[in-house]
Protein backbone atom coordinates (compact mmCIF):
# COMPACT_ATOMS: atom_id res chain seq x y z
CA MET A 1 100.99 131.06 106.46
CA ARG A 2 100.02 127.96 108.43
CA ASP A 3 98.14 127.34 111.67
CA ARG A 4 98.71 124.49 114.04
CA PHE A 5 95.03 123.60 113.88
CA ASN A 6 91.97 125.27 112.46
CA ALA A 7 89.90 125.52 115.63
CA GLN A 8 86.88 127.12 113.90
CA LEU A 9 84.30 124.31 113.87
CA THR A 10 81.16 124.29 111.76
CA LEU A 11 77.75 124.59 113.39
CA GLY A 12 76.71 121.27 114.93
CA SER A 13 80.17 119.64 114.72
CA THR A 14 81.91 117.76 117.57
CA PRO A 15 85.20 118.78 119.24
CA ILE A 16 88.02 116.25 118.85
CA SER A 17 88.10 115.50 122.58
CA ASP A 18 84.40 114.48 122.52
CA ILE A 19 84.55 112.17 119.49
CA GLU A 20 83.30 108.64 120.23
CA ILE A 21 85.69 106.04 118.79
CA PRO A 22 84.23 102.51 118.42
CA THR A 23 85.90 100.28 121.02
CA LYS A 24 84.82 96.85 119.75
CA SER A 25 85.78 97.14 116.10
CA ARG A 26 88.59 94.79 115.00
CA ASP A 27 89.56 97.09 112.15
CA GLU A 28 92.94 98.82 112.34
CA PHE A 29 91.66 102.35 111.77
CA PRO A 30 89.75 102.98 115.06
CA ALA A 31 92.89 102.26 117.08
CA PHE A 32 94.82 104.77 114.96
CA LEU A 33 92.09 107.41 115.36
CA ARG A 34 91.97 106.81 119.12
CA ALA A 35 95.74 107.38 119.31
CA MET A 36 95.40 110.59 117.29
CA GLN A 37 92.68 111.77 119.66
CA TYR A 38 95.04 111.08 122.59
CA VAL A 39 97.89 113.00 120.94
CA TYR A 40 95.63 116.01 120.38
CA THR A 41 94.03 116.05 123.83
CA ASP A 42 97.29 115.57 125.76
CA SER A 43 98.38 119.20 125.98
CA GLU A 44 102.08 118.51 126.66
CA LEU A 45 102.39 115.92 123.89
CA SER A 46 100.47 117.97 121.31
CA THR A 47 102.58 121.06 122.05
CA GLN A 48 105.78 119.12 121.46
CA VAL A 49 104.48 117.54 118.24
CA PHE A 50 103.27 120.89 116.87
CA SER A 51 106.61 122.51 117.70
CA LEU A 52 108.46 119.86 115.71
CA LEU A 53 106.08 120.20 112.76
CA GLU A 54 106.46 123.98 112.82
CA SER A 55 110.25 123.80 112.75
CA ALA A 56 110.17 121.46 109.74
CA ILE A 57 107.30 122.90 107.67
CA CYS A 58 106.85 126.55 108.63
CA THR A 59 110.19 127.70 107.21
CA LYS A 60 108.75 130.76 105.41
CA LYS A 61 107.42 134.02 106.80
CA SER A 62 103.94 133.86 108.30
CA THR A 63 102.43 135.83 105.46
CA GLY A 64 100.49 134.98 102.33
CA ARG A 65 97.47 132.79 101.84
CA PRO A 66 96.71 130.08 104.43
CA GLY A 67 98.18 126.64 103.84
CA MET A 68 97.07 123.25 105.12
CA ASP A 69 97.28 123.25 108.91
CA LEU A 70 99.95 121.17 110.63
CA TRP A 71 97.51 118.81 112.35
CA THR A 72 95.92 117.83 109.03
CA ILE A 73 99.30 117.14 107.43
CA PHE A 74 100.36 114.89 110.29
CA VAL A 75 97.07 112.96 110.48
CA LEU A 76 96.79 112.37 106.73
CA GLY A 77 100.46 111.38 106.37
CA ALA A 78 100.18 108.76 109.12
CA ALA A 79 96.68 107.60 108.07
CA ARG A 80 97.94 106.72 104.58
CA LEU A 81 100.52 104.33 106.06
CA CYS A 82 98.21 102.94 108.75
CA LEU A 83 95.77 101.77 106.08
CA ASN A 84 98.45 101.13 103.41
CA VAL A 85 96.46 103.04 100.79
CA ASP A 86 97.43 105.25 97.87
CA TYR A 87 96.71 108.97 97.63
CA ASP A 88 93.50 108.36 95.66
CA ARG A 89 92.04 106.38 98.52
CA LEU A 90 93.35 108.87 101.08
CA HIS A 91 91.75 111.71 99.11
CA TYR A 92 88.40 109.93 99.25
CA LEU A 93 88.66 109.17 102.98
CA SER A 94 89.66 112.72 103.86
CA ASN A 95 86.50 114.05 102.21
CA TYR A 96 83.94 111.36 102.99
CA ASP A 97 84.99 109.26 106.01
CA HIS A 98 83.04 110.65 108.95
CA LEU A 99 85.38 109.65 111.79
CA LEU A 100 88.53 110.76 109.98
CA ARG A 101 86.98 114.12 109.16
CA GLN A 102 86.07 114.52 112.82
CA ILE A 103 89.68 113.89 113.87
CA LEU A 104 90.84 116.34 111.19
CA GLY A 105 88.49 118.96 112.57
CA ALA A 106 86.80 119.19 109.17
CA GLN A 107 83.66 117.22 109.99
CA ASP A 108 80.27 118.18 108.68
CA GLY A 109 77.69 119.70 110.99
CA ILE A 110 74.75 121.70 109.73
CA VAL A 111 77.22 123.23 107.27
CA ARG A 112 79.75 121.09 105.39
CA GLY A 113 83.31 121.51 106.64
CA ARG A 114 86.51 121.81 104.65
CA SER A 115 87.32 119.65 101.65
CA PHE A 116 90.75 118.57 100.45
CA GLU A 117 92.26 118.27 96.98
CA ARG A 118 94.37 115.26 96.08
CA GLN A 119 97.42 117.21 94.90
CA THR A 120 97.25 119.47 97.96
CA ILE A 121 97.47 116.40 100.21
CA ILE A 122 100.47 115.05 98.27
CA ASP A 123 102.36 118.35 98.27
CA ASN A 124 101.89 118.91 101.99
CA VAL A 125 102.67 115.38 103.19
CA HIS A 126 105.91 115.54 101.18
CA LEU A 127 107.03 118.45 103.36
CA LEU A 128 107.75 116.04 106.21
CA ASP A 129 111.36 114.88 106.59
CA GLU A 130 113.03 111.95 108.29
CA ASP A 131 114.63 113.89 111.16
CA THR A 132 111.28 115.39 112.19
CA LEU A 133 109.59 111.99 111.99
CA ARG A 134 112.29 110.48 114.25
CA LYS A 135 111.67 113.13 116.90
CA ILE A 136 107.90 112.68 116.69
CA ASN A 137 108.28 108.91 116.92
CA LEU A 138 110.32 109.33 120.11
CA LEU A 139 107.47 111.33 121.67
CA ILE A 140 104.93 108.68 120.68
CA VAL A 141 107.07 105.86 122.08
CA GLN A 142 107.53 107.75 125.36
CA ALA A 143 103.76 108.28 125.55
CA GLY A 144 103.24 104.56 124.93
CA HIS A 145 105.71 103.66 127.67
CA LYS A 146 103.77 105.88 130.06
CA LEU A 147 100.53 104.07 129.17
CA VAL A 148 101.99 100.59 129.75
CA GLY A 149 103.39 101.65 133.12
CA LYS A 150 107.09 101.75 132.36
CA GLN A 151 109.13 103.06 135.28
CA GLU A 152 111.54 105.89 134.59
CA ALA A 153 114.58 103.84 135.61
CA GLU A 154 113.41 100.68 133.82
CA SER A 155 115.69 99.64 130.98
CA LEU A 156 114.72 98.31 127.58
CA ARG A 157 115.19 94.78 126.28
CA VAL A 158 115.39 95.36 122.56
CA LYS A 159 115.26 93.12 119.50
CA ILE A 160 116.97 94.09 116.26
CA ASP A 161 116.30 92.71 112.79
CA SER A 162 116.23 93.82 109.17
CA PHE A 163 114.09 93.28 106.09
CA VAL A 164 113.92 94.70 102.59
CA THR A 165 111.56 97.51 101.62
CA GLU A 166 111.20 97.09 97.89
CA ALA A 167 111.23 100.01 95.49
CA ASN A 168 108.52 100.53 92.90
CA VAL A 169 110.62 99.35 89.94
CA HIS A 170 110.30 96.55 87.42
CA PHE A 171 112.75 93.64 87.31
CA PRO A 172 115.80 94.93 85.45
CA THR A 173 117.65 93.44 82.50
CA ASP A 174 120.22 95.36 80.52
CA TYR A 175 118.15 95.22 77.33
CA ASN A 176 114.89 96.45 78.91
CA LEU A 177 116.80 99.24 80.68
CA LEU A 178 118.15 100.18 77.26
CA TRP A 179 114.54 100.43 76.08
CA ASP A 180 113.63 102.53 79.14
CA SER A 181 116.46 104.94 78.31
CA GLY A 182 115.43 105.17 74.66
CA ARG A 183 111.74 105.73 75.32
CA LYS A 184 112.47 108.50 77.83
CA CYS A 185 114.71 110.18 75.23
CA PHE A 186 111.73 110.06 72.86
CA ASP A 187 109.39 111.46 75.52
CA VAL A 188 111.64 114.42 76.34
CA LEU A 189 112.40 115.14 72.70
CA LYS A 190 108.73 115.00 71.76
CA TYR A 191 107.89 117.55 74.44
CA LEU A 192 110.69 119.85 73.25
CA ILE A 193 109.40 119.59 69.68
CA LYS A 194 105.93 120.46 70.91
CA CYS A 195 107.27 123.54 72.74
CA SER A 196 109.21 124.81 69.72
CA LYS A 197 108.60 123.45 66.22
CA ALA A 198 112.07 124.59 65.18
CA TYR A 199 113.53 121.58 67.00
CA GLY A 200 111.48 119.06 65.02
CA GLU A 201 113.78 118.87 62.02
CA GLY A 202 114.77 115.26 61.32
CA TRP A 203 112.18 113.79 63.71
CA ARG A 204 109.14 113.54 61.45
CA LYS A 205 109.17 109.76 61.99
CA LEU A 206 109.65 109.91 65.76
CA GLU A 207 106.84 107.45 66.52
CA PHE A 208 108.14 105.10 63.81
CA TRP A 209 111.59 105.02 65.43
CA ARG A 210 110.01 104.46 68.83
CA ARG A 211 108.00 101.45 67.61
CA LYS A 212 111.06 100.08 65.81
CA LEU A 213 113.19 100.22 68.98
CA LYS A 214 110.46 98.61 71.06
CA ASN A 215 109.81 95.82 68.55
CA SER A 216 113.51 94.96 68.41
CA MET A 217 113.61 94.84 72.23
CA LEU A 218 110.60 92.48 72.28
CA ALA A 219 112.23 90.30 69.62
CA LEU A 220 115.35 90.00 71.77
CA GLY A 221 113.20 89.12 74.77
CA ARG A 222 111.49 86.31 72.83
CA ALA A 223 114.85 85.02 71.64
CA THR A 224 116.29 84.85 75.16
CA ALA A 225 113.15 83.08 76.46
CA ASP A 226 113.21 80.46 73.67
CA LYS A 227 114.98 77.23 74.73
CA SER A 228 114.85 75.37 71.41
CA LYS A 229 117.74 74.65 69.03
CA ASN A 230 119.90 77.42 67.59
CA ARG A 231 118.98 79.67 70.52
CA ASN A 232 122.38 81.37 70.62
CA GLU A 233 122.21 82.23 66.92
CA ARG A 234 118.80 83.83 67.32
CA ILE A 235 119.98 85.80 70.36
CA THR A 236 123.02 87.05 68.44
CA LYS A 237 120.91 88.07 65.45
CA ALA A 238 118.27 89.85 67.59
CA THR A 239 120.94 91.58 69.68
CA THR A 240 122.81 92.81 66.61
CA GLU A 241 119.63 94.31 65.14
CA TYR A 242 118.63 95.84 68.49
CA LEU A 243 122.03 97.48 68.96
CA ARG A 244 122.09 98.72 65.37
CA ILE A 245 118.82 100.60 65.87
CA ALA A 246 119.89 101.84 69.33
CA ARG A 247 123.22 103.19 68.04
CA THR A 248 121.50 104.94 65.12
CA LEU A 249 119.12 106.60 67.55
CA SER A 250 121.97 107.51 69.89
CA ASP A 251 123.65 109.43 67.06
CA LYS A 252 120.39 111.18 66.23
CA PHE A 253 119.84 112.10 69.88
CA MET A 254 123.36 113.52 70.03
CA ILE A 255 122.65 115.81 67.06
CA ALA A 256 119.32 116.87 68.56
CA LYS A 257 120.96 117.58 71.91
CA GLU A 258 123.51 119.88 70.28
CA THR A 259 120.87 121.82 68.31
CA ILE A 260 118.60 122.48 71.28
CA PRO A 261 119.53 125.74 73.01
CA ALA A 262 119.77 125.41 76.80
CA THR A 263 117.44 128.30 77.60
CA SER A 264 116.25 128.88 81.14
CA GLU A 265 112.74 127.64 80.28
CA GLU A 266 113.99 124.35 78.82
CA TYR A 267 117.09 123.74 80.93
CA ALA A 268 115.48 120.95 82.98
CA LEU A 269 114.37 119.14 79.82
CA HIS A 270 117.84 119.59 78.34
CA PHE A 271 119.34 118.05 81.47
CA ASP A 272 116.89 115.11 81.35
CA LEU A 273 117.71 114.45 77.68
CA LYS A 274 121.41 114.45 78.49
CA TYR A 275 120.91 111.99 81.38
CA TYR A 276 118.74 109.54 79.44
CA HIS A 277 121.12 109.71 76.49
CA GLU A 278 124.00 108.76 78.79
CA MET A 279 121.96 105.86 80.13
CA LEU A 280 121.20 104.78 76.55
CA ASN A 281 124.89 104.67 75.65
CA LYS A 282 125.76 102.87 78.90
CA HIS A 283 123.28 100.07 78.29
CA ILE A 284 124.23 99.76 74.64
CA ASP A 285 127.71 98.98 75.93
CA LEU A 286 126.42 96.53 78.56
CA VAL A 287 124.21 94.63 76.09
CA ASP A 288 127.07 94.44 73.60
CA ARG A 289 129.55 93.14 76.17
CA ARG A 290 127.21 90.59 77.75
CA LEU A 291 125.29 89.13 74.81
CA LEU A 292 127.73 89.52 71.92
CA LYS A 293 131.16 89.40 73.58
CA GLY A 294 130.13 86.99 76.35
CA GLU A 295 131.59 89.07 79.19
CA SER A 296 130.45 88.85 82.80
CA ILE A 297 129.47 92.36 83.91
CA PRO A 298 130.88 93.36 87.35
CA HIS A 299 128.16 94.12 89.90
CA GLU A 300 129.38 97.67 90.54
CA GLU A 301 128.84 98.59 86.87
CA LYS A 302 125.20 97.58 86.87
CA ILE A 303 122.25 99.93 87.33
CA PHE A 304 118.95 98.38 88.39
CA SER A 305 116.70 101.32 87.48
CA ILE A 306 117.36 104.44 85.42
CA PHE A 307 114.68 106.23 87.45
CA GLU A 308 115.76 105.15 90.95
CA GLU A 309 119.54 104.82 90.81
CA TRP A 310 119.74 104.19 94.57
CA VAL A 311 118.00 100.82 94.26
CA GLU A 312 120.08 97.87 95.51
CA TRP A 313 120.06 94.24 94.39
CA ILE A 314 119.65 92.45 97.73
CA TYR A 315 120.08 88.71 98.06
CA LYS A 316 118.98 87.39 101.46
CA GLY A 317 118.76 83.70 100.63
CA LYS A 318 115.01 83.43 101.24
CA GLU A 319 113.36 80.56 99.42
CA HIS A 320 110.16 82.41 98.56
CA LYS A 321 111.88 85.58 97.32
CA ARG A 322 115.58 85.14 96.64
CA VAL A 323 116.25 88.59 95.15
CA GLU A 324 114.70 91.89 96.21
CA LEU A 325 115.16 95.36 94.71
CA GLY A 326 115.06 98.18 97.22
CA LYS A 327 116.72 99.11 100.50
CA ARG A 328 117.53 97.13 103.62
CA THR A 329 115.47 98.49 106.55
CA CYS A 330 116.65 97.84 110.12
CA ILE A 331 114.21 98.14 113.05
CA VAL A 332 114.61 97.87 116.83
CA SER A 333 111.59 97.00 118.99
CA ASP A 334 111.32 96.83 122.78
CA GLN A 335 109.56 94.43 125.17
CA TRP A 336 106.26 96.31 124.70
CA HIS A 337 106.53 95.99 120.89
CA PHE A 338 107.13 99.68 120.26
CA ILE A 339 109.63 100.42 117.50
CA VAL A 340 112.20 102.67 119.16
CA ASP A 341 114.57 103.02 116.21
CA TRP A 342 114.78 102.38 112.49
CA TRP A 343 117.35 102.90 109.79
CA VAL A 344 117.30 102.69 105.98
CA ALA A 345 120.71 101.18 105.20
CA ASP A 346 122.81 102.34 102.27
CA HIS A 347 124.85 99.38 100.98
CA GLN A 348 125.33 98.21 104.58
CA GLN A 349 125.16 94.66 105.88
CA ASP A 350 123.45 93.79 109.16
CA ASN A 351 126.70 93.58 111.16
CA LEU A 352 127.37 97.26 110.42
CA LEU A 353 123.98 98.38 111.79
CA LEU A 354 124.09 97.03 115.34
CA LEU A 355 126.31 99.54 117.14
CA PRO A 356 124.95 102.72 115.43
CA SER A 357 121.39 101.66 116.35
CA MET A 358 122.34 101.12 120.00
CA ASP A 359 124.11 104.50 120.09
CA ARG A 360 120.98 106.27 118.84
CA ILE A 361 118.72 104.51 121.35
CA ARG A 362 121.05 105.16 124.30
CA LEU A 363 120.59 108.89 123.79
CA ASN A 364 117.04 108.56 125.16
CA PHE A 365 116.71 105.15 126.85
CA GLN A 366 118.66 102.71 129.00
CA ILE A 367 119.27 99.30 127.42
CA SER A 368 119.89 96.13 129.41
CA LEU A 369 119.64 93.50 126.66
CA CYS A 370 119.85 93.34 122.87
CA SER A 371 119.00 90.27 120.80
CA GLY A 372 119.56 89.65 117.11
CA ASP A 373 120.22 86.93 114.57
CA LYS A 374 123.59 85.71 113.26
CA GLY A 375 123.75 88.42 110.60
CA PHE A 376 124.27 91.07 113.32
CA PHE A 377 127.20 89.28 114.95
CA SER A 378 130.33 91.41 115.27
CA LYS A 379 132.86 90.50 117.95
CA ILE A 380 134.13 94.07 118.27
CA ASP A 381 130.63 95.59 118.52
CA ILE A 382 129.53 93.03 121.12
CA ASP A 383 132.61 93.72 123.25
CA ILE A 384 131.89 97.46 123.09
CA MET A 385 128.24 96.94 124.07
CA GLU A 386 129.22 94.80 127.05
CA LEU A 387 131.43 97.66 128.28
CA PHE A 388 128.17 99.64 128.64
CA ASP A 389 126.47 96.77 130.53
CA ILE A 390 124.32 95.74 127.56
CA LYS A 391 123.88 91.98 127.43
CA THR A 392 123.96 90.68 123.87
CA VAL A 393 122.01 87.63 122.72
CA ILE A 394 123.40 87.17 119.22
CA PRO A 395 124.54 83.71 118.04
CA LYS A 396 127.99 83.57 116.51
CA LYS A 397 128.27 83.06 112.78
CA GLY A 398 130.59 80.16 112.02
CA LYS A 399 132.53 77.81 114.29
CA ARG A 400 132.31 78.42 118.06
CA ASN A 401 134.84 77.74 120.79
CA LEU A 402 134.04 76.15 124.15
CA LEU A 403 133.26 79.42 125.93
CA GLU A 404 130.92 80.54 123.13
CA VAL A 405 129.10 77.19 123.21
CA GLN A 406 128.63 77.50 126.97
CA LYS A 407 127.35 81.07 126.58
CA GLU A 408 124.78 80.08 123.93
CA ASN A 409 123.64 77.08 126.01
CA ASP A 410 122.98 79.27 129.05
CA PRO A 411 119.25 79.12 130.01
CA GLU A 412 118.95 82.94 130.05
CA PHE A 413 120.51 83.15 126.58
CA ILE A 414 118.10 80.50 125.26
CA LYS A 415 115.11 82.24 126.85
CA ALA A 416 116.03 85.62 125.35
CA ARG A 417 116.76 83.96 121.99
CA ARG A 418 113.25 82.50 121.91
CA LYS A 419 111.71 85.87 122.75
CA HIS A 420 113.61 87.43 119.86
CA SER A 421 111.24 85.81 117.34
CA ALA A 422 108.58 88.36 118.38
CA VAL A 423 110.36 90.91 116.18
CA GLU A 424 109.19 88.93 113.14
CA SER A 425 105.59 89.79 113.98
CA ASN A 426 106.59 93.47 114.25
CA ILE A 427 108.12 93.26 110.76
CA ASN A 428 105.04 91.51 109.42
CA GLU A 429 102.78 94.27 110.74
CA LEU A 430 105.08 96.93 109.30
CA GLU A 431 104.74 95.27 105.90
CA HIS A 432 100.98 95.47 106.35
CA ARG A 433 101.51 99.18 107.11
CA GLY A 434 103.03 99.53 103.63
CA LEU A 435 106.71 98.63 104.01
CA ASP A 436 106.52 95.67 101.67
CA ARG A 437 106.87 98.07 98.71
CA CYS A 438 107.48 101.83 98.64
CA PRO A 439 105.50 103.69 95.93
CA ASP A 440 107.12 107.08 96.64
CA LYS A 441 109.85 108.36 94.35
CA GLY A 442 113.43 109.16 95.27
CA ILE A 443 115.61 108.17 98.20
CA LYS A 444 114.13 110.98 100.31
CA GLY A 445 110.69 109.61 99.54
CA MET A 446 111.85 106.17 100.72
CA HIS A 447 113.16 107.59 104.02
CA ARG A 448 109.96 109.59 104.59
CA TYR A 449 107.78 106.60 103.71
CA VAL A 450 109.57 104.29 106.17
CA GLY A 451 109.40 106.92 108.93
CA LEU A 452 105.66 107.44 108.47
CA ALA A 453 105.09 103.67 108.49
CA VAL A 454 106.91 103.32 111.83
CA ILE A 455 104.91 106.22 113.30
CA ALA A 456 101.65 104.70 112.04
CA TYR A 457 102.64 101.36 113.60
CA ASN A 458 103.43 102.93 116.99
CA LEU A 459 100.27 105.06 116.92
CA ARG A 460 98.15 101.99 116.30
CA ARG A 461 99.92 100.25 119.18
CA VAL A 462 99.11 103.22 121.45
CA GLY A 463 95.52 103.17 120.19
CA GLN A 464 95.13 99.48 121.02
CA ILE A 465 96.23 100.15 124.61
CA LEU A 466 93.82 103.09 124.91
CA LEU A 467 90.89 101.12 123.45
CA ALA A 468 91.58 98.28 125.89
CA GLN A 469 91.42 100.81 128.75
CA ASP A 470 88.20 102.28 127.31
CA ARG A 471 86.60 98.82 127.18
CA LYS A 472 87.72 98.16 130.74
CA TRP A 473 86.13 101.37 131.97
CA ALA A 474 82.95 100.67 129.99
CA ASP A 475 82.61 97.20 131.57
CA CYS A 476 83.07 98.49 135.11
CA PRO A 477 79.79 98.77 137.07
CA LYS A 478 78.81 102.38 137.49
CA ALA A 479 78.51 103.80 140.96
CA ALA A 480 74.96 104.04 142.20
């Protein structure tokens, strides 16, 4: 059972509409809190937001003990990304930051208000999904357009670009992924032995085998890093010993896997052991083929994390960071710097993201111009967009003919091309909102994390506009 908002205030507390937000602070949090105050006090906007949250979170019958209210879930989920903090920091702020607790409706008056547990915050924020966040973001963007004075018939001039949101994984090599697979087999097996001592037969020296596998992995790492003479011989010797131990353990894990009954209580652990054992065998094969047989491993056979299999190896040619591990994130911002669309690409290059993004935006807005870099160039997509009266400012990749040269030398094209660079500042701020690296697990966690970061960005943008209006009203001379 969940409420939209717990309206029962403690004695001496302040209603959300009467909270005084500091207007002259240069910190990012007051602007976010001011936007949240606006969302709550605007009756039409708050009703729409609460309806979306109810449809996504309140999927069970309205019975049972009370859960965290919808307003608290939304505020805490967006606040985490606005400040780019972890759940430990968010837990502290939700219990001890005065302004945040006022916005949450949990502020302290004469009697202390509600308190929040760390795991409760995590479990409830994870109930949000990408589709709901997209719909909420649309409402926030529309509210922002209203504040900046956008006319209903006014079209958008959008800028599209992409960057990489890195996953929380270490840099992969086939031999350290082999170690990851082995150590997780040990972890699962150790827990099974602890649950039922009958499974411990043959694993009295479990910790010894674990240390032996790790030491052989470290020895191979030192051999590959050494550039002195006879390097290849040392690598071959270390690899042979590493694979010998790994294959011995693989056989032992196979026997253990067959002797463990797949009961309902231990089925998940049985499944995990099977998965990590498969990963162990896979990387034994990869290490053997690459270091001993000298083969070049095809890219499609490689796995860059045994924990996050969806991670991509992305090479963008940047000098400061040539290789990134994560997902390509595409954003579209308008002339008022609101992000109207985003997409987490799945093995898609930039030229495959242009038309789908425009199709999603055209469902809610009119578009008159779209600018992008050379990576988004697609002759077919540009021709289709021009059929819908969308002017494209995207330089051609490769050699240009006379008409294309004339088009790119047009003063309007050059002017729009120069304005396109503003999207880089939008990306930079998003990375400060947390999109430089995603700490959440799983591909669903990545999608949710990106969506919350975009919402936090747009809320802060709305808050900056509101605070500027508040300062303007405060500076106006009062009527006598």
